[in-house]
C-alpha atoms as a PDB file:
ATOM      1  CA  MET A   1      -8.798 -53.966  36.950  1.00  0.00           C
ATOM      2  CA  PRO A   2     -11.335 -52.435  34.577  1.00  0.00           C
ATOM      3  CA  VAL A   3     -12.301 -48.777  34.604  1.00  0.00           C
ATOM      4  CA  ARG A   4     -15.903 -47.630  34.720  1.00  0.00           C
ATOM      5  CA  HIS A   5     -17.453 -44.181  34.550  1.00  0.00           C
ATOM      6  CA  ALA A   6     -19.617 -42.989  37.418  1.00  0.00           C
ATOM      7  CA  ALA A   7     -21.074 -39.471  37.216  1.00  0.00           C
ATOM      8  CA  GLY A   8     -18.333 -38.531  34.795  1.00  0.00           C
ATOM      9  CA  VAL A   9     -15.563 -39.649  37.210  1.00  0.00           C
ATOM     10  CA  ARG A  10     -13.296 -42.591  36.498  1.00  0.00           C
ATOM     11  CA  VAL A  11     -13.464 -45.150  39.272  1.00  0.00           C
ATOM     12  CA  TRP A  12     -11.273 -48.218  39.638  1.00  0.00           C
ATOM     13  CA  GLN A  13     -13.146 -51.388  40.523  1.00  0.00           C
ATOM     14  CA  ARG A  14     -11.741 -54.822  41.250  1.00  0.00           C
ATOM     15  CA  ARG A  15     -13.162 -57.658  39.188  1.00  0.00           C
ATOM     16  CA  ALA A  16     -15.406 -60.166  40.920  1.00  0.00           C
ATOM     17  CA  ARG A  17     -13.614 -63.373  41.898  1.00  0.00           C
ATOM     18  CA  ARG A  18     -15.625 -65.488  39.455  1.00  0.00           C
ATOM     19  CA  ARG A  19     -14.990 -63.135  36.544  1.00  0.00           C
ATOM     20  CA  GLN A  20     -11.285 -62.957  37.356  1.00  0.00           C
ATOM     21  CA  LEU A  21     -11.118 -66.754  37.396  1.00  0.00           C
ATOM     22  CA  LEU A  22     -12.812 -66.953  33.996  1.00  0.00           C
ATOM     23  CA  VAL A  23     -10.325 -64.452  32.562  1.00  0.00           C
ATOM     24  CA  TRP A  24      -7.372 -66.489  33.800  1.00  0.00           C
ATOM     25  CA  LEU A  25      -8.909 -69.719  32.532  1.00  0.00           C
ATOM     26  CA  GLY A  26      -9.314 -68.071  29.124  1.00  0.00           C
ATOM     27  CA  TRP A  27      -5.654 -67.050  29.077  1.00  0.00           C
ATOM     28  CA  LEU A  28      -4.621 -70.544  30.184  1.00  0.00           C
ATOM     29  CA  ALA A  29      -6.713 -72.198  27.467  1.00  0.00           C
ATOM     30  CA  GLY A  30      -5.252 -69.859  24.836  1.00  0.00           C
ATOM     31  CA  THR A  31      -1.702 -70.595  25.990  1.00  0.00           C
ATOM     32  CA  LEU A  32      -2.287 -74.360  25.953  1.00  0.00           C
ATOM     33  CA  LEU A  33      -3.758 -74.101  22.442  1.00  0.00           C
ATOM     34  CA  ILE A  34      -0.709 -72.189  21.185  1.00  0.00           C
ATOM     35  CA  VAL A  35       1.694 -74.686  22.785  1.00  0.00           C
ATOM     36  CA  ALA A  36      -0.201 -77.658  21.342  1.00  0.00           C
ATOM     37  CA  SER A  37      -0.283 -76.055  17.894  1.00  0.00           C
ATOM     38  CA  TRP A  38       3.441 -75.337  18.011  1.00  0.00           C
ATOM     39  CA  GLN A  39       4.188 -78.910  19.029  1.00  0.00           C
ATOM     40  CA  GLY A  40       2.154 -80.174  16.082  1.00  0.00           C
ATOM     41  CA  ILE A  41       4.001 -77.862  13.696  1.00  0.00           C
ATOM     42  CA  ALA A  42       7.409 -78.758  15.137  1.00  0.00           C
ATOM     43  CA  ALA A  43       6.716 -82.481  14.854  1.00  0.00           C
ATOM     44  CA  ASN A  44       5.965 -82.150  11.135  1.00  0.00           C
ATOM     45  CA  THR A  45       8.802 -79.760  10.273  1.00  0.00           C
ATOM     46  CA  MET A  46      12.072 -80.932   8.704  1.00  0.00           C
ATOM     47  CA  TRP A  47      14.399 -78.745  10.738  1.00  0.00           C
ATOM     48  CA  ASN A  48      17.468 -79.568   8.651  1.00  0.00           C
ATOM     49  CA  PHE A  49      15.883 -77.648   5.786  1.00  0.00           C
ATOM     50  CA  VAL A  50      15.011 -74.770   8.118  1.00  0.00           C
ATOM     51  CA  TRP A  51      18.592 -74.384   9.398  1.00  0.00           C
ATOM     52  CA  ASP A  52      19.886 -74.567   5.820  1.00  0.00           C
ATOM     53  CA  ALA A  53      17.319 -72.021   4.529  1.00  0.00           C
ATOM     54  CA  PRO A  54      19.521 -68.883   4.876  1.00  0.00           C
ATOM     55  CA  ALA A  55      22.304 -70.429   2.796  1.00  0.00           C
ATOM     56  CA  GLN A  56      19.853 -71.684   0.186  1.00  0.00           C
ATOM     57  CA  GLY A  57      18.118 -68.307   0.046  1.00  0.00           C
ATOM     58  CA  ALA A  58      21.404 -66.472  -0.425  1.00  0.00           C
ATOM     59  CA  ASP A  59      22.394 -68.881  -3.197  1.00  0.00           C
ATOM     60  CA  LEU A  60      19.045 -68.385  -4.955  1.00  0.00           C
ATOM     61  CA  LEU A  61      19.312 -64.590  -4.749  1.00  0.00           C
ATOM     62  CA  ALA A  62      22.818 -64.784  -6.235  1.00  0.00           C
ATOM     63  CA  ARG A  63      21.411 -66.771  -9.174  1.00  0.00           C
ATOM     64  CA  MET A  64      18.628 -64.210  -9.713  1.00  0.00           C
ATOM     65  CA  VAL A  65      21.010 -61.263 -10.118  1.00  0.00           C
ATOM     66  CA  PRO A  66      21.413 -59.597 -12.560  1.00  0.00           C
ATOM     67  CA  PRO A  67      17.970 -59.713 -14.201  1.00  0.00           C
ATOM     68  CA  ARG A  68      17.726 -60.789 -17.812  1.00  0.00           C
ATOM     69  CA  TRP A  69      16.611 -57.478 -19.296  1.00  0.00           C
ATOM     70  CA  ALA A  70      16.450 -58.907 -22.828  1.00  0.00           C
ATOM     71  CA  TYR A  71      13.613 -61.176 -21.673  1.00  0.00           C
ATOM     72  CA  THR A  72      11.305 -58.182 -21.227  1.00  0.00           C
ATOM     73  CA  GLY A  73      10.222 -58.292 -24.873  1.00  0.00           C
ATOM     74  CA  ARG A  74       8.491 -61.637 -24.311  1.00  0.00           C
ATOM     75  CA  LEU A  75       6.576 -60.375 -21.282  1.00  0.00           C
ATOM     76  CA  TRP A  76       4.522 -57.528 -22.761  1.00  0.00           C
ATOM     77  CA  ARG A  77       1.850 -59.788 -24.256  1.00  0.00           C
ATOM     78  CA  PRO A  78       1.407 -61.910 -21.085  1.00  0.00           C
ATOM     79  CA  LEU A  79       1.319 -58.699 -19.049  1.00  0.00           C
ATOM     80  CA  TRP A  80      -1.384 -57.312 -21.335  1.00  0.00           C
ATOM     81  CA  ASP A  81      -3.331 -60.565 -20.865  1.00  0.00           C
ATOM     82  CA  THR A  82      -3.006 -60.146 -17.094  1.00  0.00           C
ATOM     83  CA  ILE A  83      -4.405 -56.609 -17.218  1.00  0.00           C
ATOM     84  CA  ASN A  84      -7.262 -57.791 -19.443  1.00  0.00           C
ATOM     85  CA  ILE A  85      -8.056 -60.648 -17.058  1.00  0.00           C
ATOM     86  CA  ALA A  86      -8.310 -58.213 -14.140  1.00  0.00           C
ATOM     87  CA  THR A  87     -10.289 -55.583 -16.047  1.00  0.00           C
ATOM     88  CA  LEU A  88     -12.759 -57.861 -17.822  1.00  0.00           C
ATOM     89  CA  GLY A  89     -13.183 -60.008 -14.710  1.00  0.00           C
ATOM     90  CA  THR A  90     -14.023 -56.932 -12.655  1.00  0.00           C
ATOM     91  CA  LEU A  91     -16.531 -55.654 -15.231  1.00  0.00           C
ATOM     92  CA  ALA A  92     -18.155 -59.078 -15.475  1.00  0.00           C
ATOM     93  CA  ALA A  93     -18.538 -59.188 -11.682  1.00  0.00           C
ATOM     94  CA  LEU A  94     -20.257 -55.798 -11.471  1.00  0.00           C
ATOM     95  CA  VAL A  95     -23.273 -56.962 -13.493  1.00  0.00           C
ATOM     96  CA  PRO A  96     -24.539 -59.648 -11.058  1.00  0.00           C
ATOM     97  CA  ALA A  97     -23.135 -57.904  -7.957  1.00  0.00           C
ATOM     98  CA  VAL A  98     -25.599 -55.002  -8.172  1.00  0.00           C
ATOM     99  CA  PRO A  99     -28.854 -57.041  -8.067  1.00  0.00           C
ATOM    100  CA  ILE A 100     -27.363 -59.390  -5.462  1.00  0.00           C
ATOM    101  CA  ALA A 101     -26.545 -56.384  -3.273  1.00  0.00           C
ATOM    102  CA  LEU A 102     -30.094 -55.044  -3.654  1.00  0.00           C
ATOM    103  CA  LEU A 103     -31.462 -58.433  -2.648  1.00  0.00           C
ATOM    104  CA  ALA A 104     -29.125 -58.641   0.357  1.00  0.00           C
ATOM    105  CA  ALA A 105     -29.713 -55.149   1.785  1.00  0.00           C
ATOM    106  CA  ARG A 106     -32.351 -55.036   4.517  1.00  0.00           C
ATOM    107  CA  ASN A 107     -34.010 -51.921   3.128  1.00  0.00           C
ATOM    108  CA  THR A 108     -34.313 -53.177  -0.473  1.00  0.00           C
ATOM    109  CA  THR A 109     -34.749 -56.941  -0.261  1.00  0.00           C
ATOM    110  CA  PRO A 110     -38.187 -58.298  -1.257  1.00  0.00           C
ATOM    111  CA  SER A 111     -38.049 -60.858   1.569  1.00  0.00           C
ATOM    112  CA  ALA A 112     -35.856 -60.788   4.656  1.00  0.00           C
ATOM    113  CA  VAL A 113     -36.762 -64.420   5.376  1.00  0.00           C
ATOM    114  CA  LEU A 114     -36.128 -66.115   2.032  1.00  0.00           C
ATOM    115  CA  VAL A 115     -34.460 -63.805  -0.497  1.00  0.00           C
ATOM    116  CA  ARG A 116     -31.943 -62.067   1.762  1.00  0.00           C
ATOM    117  CA  PRO A 117     -30.414 -65.289   3.189  1.00  0.00           C
ATOM    118  CA  ALA A 118     -30.078 -66.667  -0.351  1.00  0.00           C
ATOM    119  CA  ALA A 119     -28.307 -63.498  -1.500  1.00  0.00           C
ATOM    120  CA  LEU A 120     -26.011 -63.554   1.522  1.00  0.00           C
ATOM    121  CA  LEU A 121     -25.198 -67.188   0.793  1.00  0.00           C
ATOM    122  CA  LEU A 122     -24.106 -66.242  -2.730  1.00  0.00           C
ATOM    123  CA  ILE A 123     -21.919 -63.469  -1.338  1.00  0.00           C
ATOM    124  CA  VAL A 124     -20.285 -65.722   1.233  1.00  0.00           C
ATOM    125  CA  SER A 125     -19.775 -68.523  -1.314  1.00  0.00           C
ATOM    126  CA  SER A 126     -18.027 -66.135  -3.700  1.00  0.00           C
ATOM    127  CA  ARG A 127     -15.793 -64.590  -1.041  1.00  0.00           C
ATOM    128  CA  SER A 128     -14.840 -67.829   0.675  1.00  0.00           C
ATOM    129  CA  ILE A 129     -13.125 -69.376  -2.376  1.00  0.00           C
ATOM    130  CA  ASN A 130      -9.849 -67.837  -3.524  1.00  0.00           C
ATOM    131  CA  SER A 131      -9.511 -66.822  -7.170  1.00  0.00           C
ATOM    132  CA  LEU A 132      -6.631 -69.287  -7.582  1.00  0.00           C
ATOM    133  CA  ILE A 133      -8.945 -72.143  -6.581  1.00  0.00           C
ATOM    134  CA  TRP A 134     -11.647 -70.846  -8.931  1.00  0.00           C
ATOM    135  CA  ALA A 135      -9.052 -70.769 -11.716  1.00  0.00           C
ATOM    136  CA  LEU A 136      -7.925 -74.312 -10.932  1.00  0.00           C
ATOM    137  CA  LEU A 137     -11.504 -75.566 -11.197  1.00  0.00           C
ATOM    138  CA  LEU A 138     -12.284 -73.561 -14.335  1.00  0.00           C
ATOM    139  CA  VAL A 139      -9.143 -74.689 -16.146  1.00  0.00           C
ATOM    140  CA  SER A 140     -10.302 -78.273 -15.707  1.00  0.00           C
ATOM    141  CA  ILE A 141     -13.812 -77.347 -16.920  1.00  0.00           C
ATOM    142  CA  ILE A 142     -13.335 -74.916 -19.814  1.00  0.00           C
ATOM    143  CA  GLY A 143      -9.656 -75.496 -20.484  1.00  0.00           C
ATOM    144  CA  PRO A 144      -6.542 -73.389 -19.925  1.00  0.00           C
ATOM    145  CA  GLY A 145      -6.326 -69.830 -21.142  1.00  0.00           C
ATOM    146  CA  VAL A 146      -7.366 -66.265 -20.465  1.00  0.00           C
ATOM    147  CA  LEU A 147     -11.110 -67.046 -20.364  1.00  0.00           C
ATOM    148  CA  ALA A 148     -10.680 -69.254 -17.312  1.00  0.00           C
ATOM    149  CA  GLY A 149      -8.799 -66.428 -15.599  1.00  0.00           C
ATOM    150  CA  ILE A 150     -11.487 -63.861 -16.403  1.00  0.00           C
ATOM    151  CA  VAL A 151     -14.276 -66.061 -15.057  1.00  0.00           C
ATOM    152  CA  ALA A 152     -12.238 -66.899 -11.938  1.00  0.00           C
ATOM    153  CA  ILE A 153     -11.650 -63.222 -11.178  1.00  0.00           C
ATOM    154  CA  ALA A 154     -15.338 -62.464 -11.781  1.00  0.00           C
ATOM    155  CA  LEU A 155     -16.573 -65.225  -9.484  1.00  0.00           C
ATOM    156  CA  ARG A 156     -14.245 -64.075  -6.727  1.00  0.00           C
ATOM    157  CA  SER A 157     -15.149 -60.385  -7.161  1.00  0.00           C
ATOM    158  CA  ILE A 158     -18.944 -60.770  -7.072  1.00  0.00           C
ATOM    159  CA  GLY A 159     -19.051 -61.400  -3.332  1.00  0.00           C
ATOM    160  CA  PHE A 160     -16.587 -58.613  -2.537  1.00  0.00           C
ATOM    161  CA  VAL A 161     -18.442 -55.951  -4.533  1.00  0.00           C
ATOM    162  CA  ALA A 162     -21.906 -57.125  -3.452  1.00  0.00           C
ATOM    163  CA  LYS A 163     -20.988 -57.158   0.247  1.00  0.00           C
ATOM    164  CA  LEU A 164     -19.596 -53.625   0.316  1.00  0.00           C
ATOM    165  CA  LEU A 165     -22.390 -52.354  -1.915  1.00  0.00           C
ATOM    166  CA  TYR A 166     -25.249 -53.774   0.160  1.00  0.00           C
ATOM    167  CA  GLU A 167     -23.671 -52.290   3.278  1.00  0.00           C
ATOM    168  CA  ALA A 168     -23.599 -48.906   1.510  1.00  0.00           C
ATOM    169  CA  ILE A 169     -27.255 -49.343   0.510  1.00  0.00           C
ATOM    170  CA  GLU A 170     -28.258 -50.018   4.116  1.00  0.00           C
ATOM    171  CA  GLU A 171     -26.591 -46.773   5.218  1.00  0.00           C
ATOM    172  CA  ILE A 172     -28.411 -44.446   2.797  1.00  0.00           C
ATOM    173  CA  ASP A 173     -30.555 -41.538   3.902  1.00  0.00           C
ATOM    174  CA  ARG A 174     -34.163 -42.724   4.066  1.00  0.00           C
ATOM    175  CA  ALA A 175     -35.705 -39.279   3.526  1.00  0.00           C
ATOM    176  CA  PRO A 176     -35.310 -39.147  -0.302  1.00  0.00           C
ATOM    177  CA  VAL A 177     -36.559 -42.727  -0.596  1.00  0.00           C
ATOM    178  CA  GLU A 178     -39.645 -41.987   1.489  1.00  0.00           C
ATOM    179  CA  ALA A 179     -40.330 -38.816  -0.495  1.00  0.00           C
ATOM    180  CA  ILE A 180     -40.170 -40.639  -3.822  1.00  0.00           C
ATOM    181  CA  THR A 181     -42.296 -43.491  -2.460  1.00  0.00           C
ATOM    182  CA  ALA A 182     -44.930 -41.005  -1.276  1.00  0.00           C
ATOM    183  CA  THR A 183     -45.400 -39.835  -4.881  1.00  0.00           C
ATOM    184  CA  GLY A 184     -46.575 -43.325  -5.836  1.00  0.00           C
ATOM    185  CA  ALA A 185     -43.350 -44.369  -7.555  1.00  0.00           C
ATOM    186  CA  GLY A 186     -42.739 -48.064  -8.152  1.00  0.00           C
ATOM    187  CA  ARG A 187     -39.874 -50.120  -6.746  1.00  0.00           C
ATOM    188  CA  ALA A 188     -37.702 -49.623  -9.847  1.00  0.00           C
ATOM    189  CA  GLN A 189     -38.226 -45.851  -9.756  1.00  0.00           C
ATOM    190  CA  VAL A 190     -37.375 -45.719  -6.052  1.00  0.00           C
ATOM    191  CA  VAL A 191     -34.142 -47.599  -6.689  1.00  0.00           C
ATOM    192  CA  THR A 192     -33.282 -45.444  -9.721  1.00  0.00           C
ATOM    193  CA  PHE A 193     -34.007 -42.019  -8.266  1.00  0.00           C
ATOM    194  CA  GLY A 194     -33.802 -42.553  -4.496  1.00  0.00           C
ATOM    195  CA  ILE A 195     -31.083 -45.143  -3.893  1.00  0.00           C
ATOM    196  CA  ALA A 196     -28.780 -45.148  -6.926  1.00  0.00           C
ATOM    197  CA  PRO A 197     -27.689 -41.468  -6.651  1.00  0.00           C
ATOM    198  CA  GLN A 198     -26.681 -42.014  -3.031  1.00  0.00           C
ATOM    199  CA  VAL A 199     -24.646 -45.202  -3.542  1.00  0.00           C
ATOM    200  CA  LEU A 200     -23.151 -44.397  -6.949  1.00  0.00           C
ATOM    201  CA  PRO A 201     -19.949 -42.804  -5.543  1.00  0.00           C
ATOM    202  CA  ALA A 202     -19.456 -45.762  -3.195  1.00  0.00           C
ATOM    203  CA  PHE A 203     -20.107 -48.195  -6.055  1.00  0.00           C
ATOM    204  CA  ALA A 204     -17.512 -46.488  -8.244  1.00  0.00           C
ATOM    205  CA  GLY A 205     -14.957 -46.512  -5.436  1.00  0.00           C
ATOM    206  CA  ILE A 206     -15.613 -50.185  -4.672  1.00  0.00           C
ATOM    207  CA  SER A 207     -15.269 -51.107  -8.356  1.00  0.00           C
ATOM    208  CA  VAL A 208     -11.917 -49.350  -8.745  1.00  0.00           C
ATOM    209  CA  PHE A 209     -10.649 -50.805  -5.467  1.00  0.00           C
ATOM    210  CA  ARG A 210     -11.598 -54.321  -6.569  1.00  0.00           C
ATOM    211  CA  TRP A 211      -9.917 -53.800  -9.949  1.00  0.00           C
ATOM    212  CA  ASP A 212      -6.740 -52.852  -8.103  1.00  0.00           C
ATOM    213  CA  ILE A 213      -6.944 -56.060  -6.063  1.00  0.00           C
ATOM    214  CA  ASN A 214      -7.639 -58.121  -9.185  1.00  0.00           C
ATOM    215  CA  ILE A 215      -4.471 -56.820 -10.846  1.00  0.00           C
ATOM    216  CA  ARG A 216      -2.530 -58.486  -8.047  1.00  0.00           C
ATOM    217  CA  GLU A 217      -4.542 -61.700  -8.064  1.00  0.00           C
ATOM    218  CA  SER A 218      -4.439 -62.127 -11.845  1.00  0.00           C
ATOM    219  CA  THR A 219      -0.628 -62.172 -11.851  1.00  0.00           C
ATOM    220  CA  VAL A 220      -0.593 -65.642 -10.266  1.00  0.00           C
ATOM    221  CA  LEU A 221      -3.481 -67.292 -12.106  1.00  0.00           C
ATOM    222  CA  GLY A 222      -1.095 -68.484 -14.817  1.00  0.00           C
ATOM    223  CA  LEU A 223       0.453 -70.846 -12.273  1.00  0.00           C
ATOM    224  CA  VAL A 224      -2.596 -73.086 -12.746  1.00  0.00           C
ATOM    225  CA  GLY A 225      -2.931 -72.458 -16.500  1.00  0.00           C
ATOM    226  CA  ALA A 226      -5.337 -69.502 -16.478  1.00  0.00           C
ATOM    227  CA  GLY A 227      -3.149 -67.305 -18.681  1.00  0.00           C
ATOM    228  CA  GLY A 228      -1.313 -64.083 -18.013  1.00  0.00           C
ATOM    229  CA  ILE A 229       2.193 -63.386 -16.813  1.00  0.00           C
ATOM    230  CA  GLY A 230       1.946 -66.119 -14.199  1.00  0.00           C
ATOM    231  CA  LEU A 231       2.290 -68.644 -17.003  1.00  0.00           C
ATOM    232  CA  GLU A 232       5.670 -67.174 -17.935  1.00  0.00           C
ATOM    233  CA  LEU A 233       6.646 -67.206 -14.268  1.00  0.00           C
ATOM    234  CA  GLN A 234       5.848 -70.905 -13.963  1.00  0.00           C
ATOM    235  CA  SER A 235       7.765 -71.706 -17.160  1.00  0.00           C
ATOM    236  CA  SER A 236      10.836 -69.813 -15.958  1.00  0.00           C
ATOM    237  CA  VAL A 237      10.784 -71.479 -12.547  1.00  0.00           C
ATOM    238  CA  ASN A 238      10.403 -74.935 -14.126  1.00  0.00           C
ATOM    239  CA  VAL A 239      13.622 -74.481 -16.149  1.00  0.00           C
ATOM    240  CA  LEU A 240      15.410 -72.727 -13.241  1.00  0.00           C
ATOM    241  CA  ALA A 241      15.840 -69.540 -15.278  1.00  0.00           C
ATOM    242  CA  TRP A 242      16.197 -67.335 -12.209  1.00  0.00           C
ATOM    243  CA  PRO A 243      17.302 -64.127 -14.031  1.00  0.00           C
ATOM    244  CA  GLN A 244      14.040 -64.367 -16.001  1.00  0.00           C
ATOM    245  CA  VAL A 245      12.115 -64.828 -12.753  1.00  0.00           C
ATOM    246  CA  THR A 246      13.685 -61.631 -11.420  1.00  0.00           C
ATOM    247  CA  MET A 247      12.621 -59.763 -14.544  1.00  0.00           C
ATOM    248  CA  ILE A 248       9.065 -61.039 -14.131  1.00  0.00           C
ATOM    249  CA  PHE A 249       9.033 -59.966 -10.486  1.00  0.00           C
ATOM    250  CA  ILE A 250      10.220 -56.474 -11.447  1.00  0.00           C
ATOM    251  CA  LEU A 251       7.510 -56.152 -14.095  1.00  0.00           C
ATOM    252  CA  ILE A 252       4.800 -57.401 -11.716  1.00  0.00           C
ATOM    253  CA  LEU A 253       5.952 -54.944  -9.045  1.00  0.00           C
ATOM    254  CA  ALA A 254       5.887 -52.064 -11.519  1.00  0.00           C
ATOM    255  CA  THR A 255       2.404 -53.038 -12.700  1.00  0.00           C
ATOM    256  CA  VAL A 256       1.058 -53.233  -9.149  1.00  0.00           C
ATOM    257  CA  VAL A 257       2.566 -49.859  -8.252  1.00  0.00           C
ATOM    258  CA  VAL A 258       1.013 -48.219 -11.322  1.00  0.00           C
ATOM    259  CA  SER A 259      -2.388 -49.824 -10.672  1.00  0.00           C
ATOM    260  CA  GLU A 260      -2.253 -48.697  -7.042  1.00  0.00           C
ATOM    261  CA  ALA A 261      -1.507 -45.129  -8.123  1.00  0.00           C
ATOM    262  CA  ILE A 262      -4.348 -45.155 -10.666  1.00  0.00           C
ATOM    263  CA  SER A 263      -6.771 -46.667  -8.150  1.00  0.00           C
ATOM    264  CA  ALA A 264      -5.880 -44.140  -5.450  1.00  0.00           C
ATOM    265  CA  ARG A 265      -6.212 -41.188  -7.830  1.00  0.00           C
ATOM    266  CA  VAL A 266      -9.571 -42.358  -9.223  1.00  0.00           C
ATOM    267  CA  ARG A 267     -11.011 -43.100  -5.773  1.00  0.00           C
ATOM    268  CA  HIS A 268      -9.861 -39.716  -4.517  1.00  0.00           C
ATOM    269  CA  ALA A 269     -11.520 -38.019  -7.466  1.00  0.00           C
ATOM    270  CA  ILE A 270     -14.770 -39.942  -6.921  1.00  0.00           C
ATOM    271  CA  ILE A 271     -15.016 -39.826  -3.143  1.00  0.00           C
END
């Protein structure tokens, strides 16, 4: 029974019969959907492998310990490539993300009918495709290597940065913008002196946050040939060198922890 407020007093009210029936039908439909989905999953699952998974997992963990510490020397260069992929990819995404955000925001777009939908389509297209898929496509186009990873990270990051930035632009205080416009300033001057100072802290925070995310995503791009430490991970898995895999996992974890600490400190300083 829902609660409503009447003259500041909470009053219990029974749902109408029709509304109650619709609620129960909704729950019934959801339950049937879950049961049907589970039946489809169960029919296509090899349960012998599932029951044997704990034993196989324990055996794999035993093979991964102890880590091969001597392998660390070969990982510094791939790790550096991974950091470069994340950093350069983020910087490359910031350049087109800013104008796209200005075109997508309701209070800065030249046309809410034509330009804004096109900008939103670019944002959605960028965000809907995972960086690993971008890397897979780019490796087949421009070849394997770090460049494919950088472009993949950039293409994925454009939509993320542009979306959060255009939302920040729409939430600005209109008073400074109107004051600058009243002086006869042009569109570029309004953006430079009225909008940019208000969204600059948010833009910096978004950029650092995306860089932190890209550190994580760039660690796996090597699995499809886009360079970085993921390439070493794939090579070690292919030859069943599990102590090397453990060492790679430890290094990736340490890198992510450090990047998270840097990101949090920078965002705290900015915001």
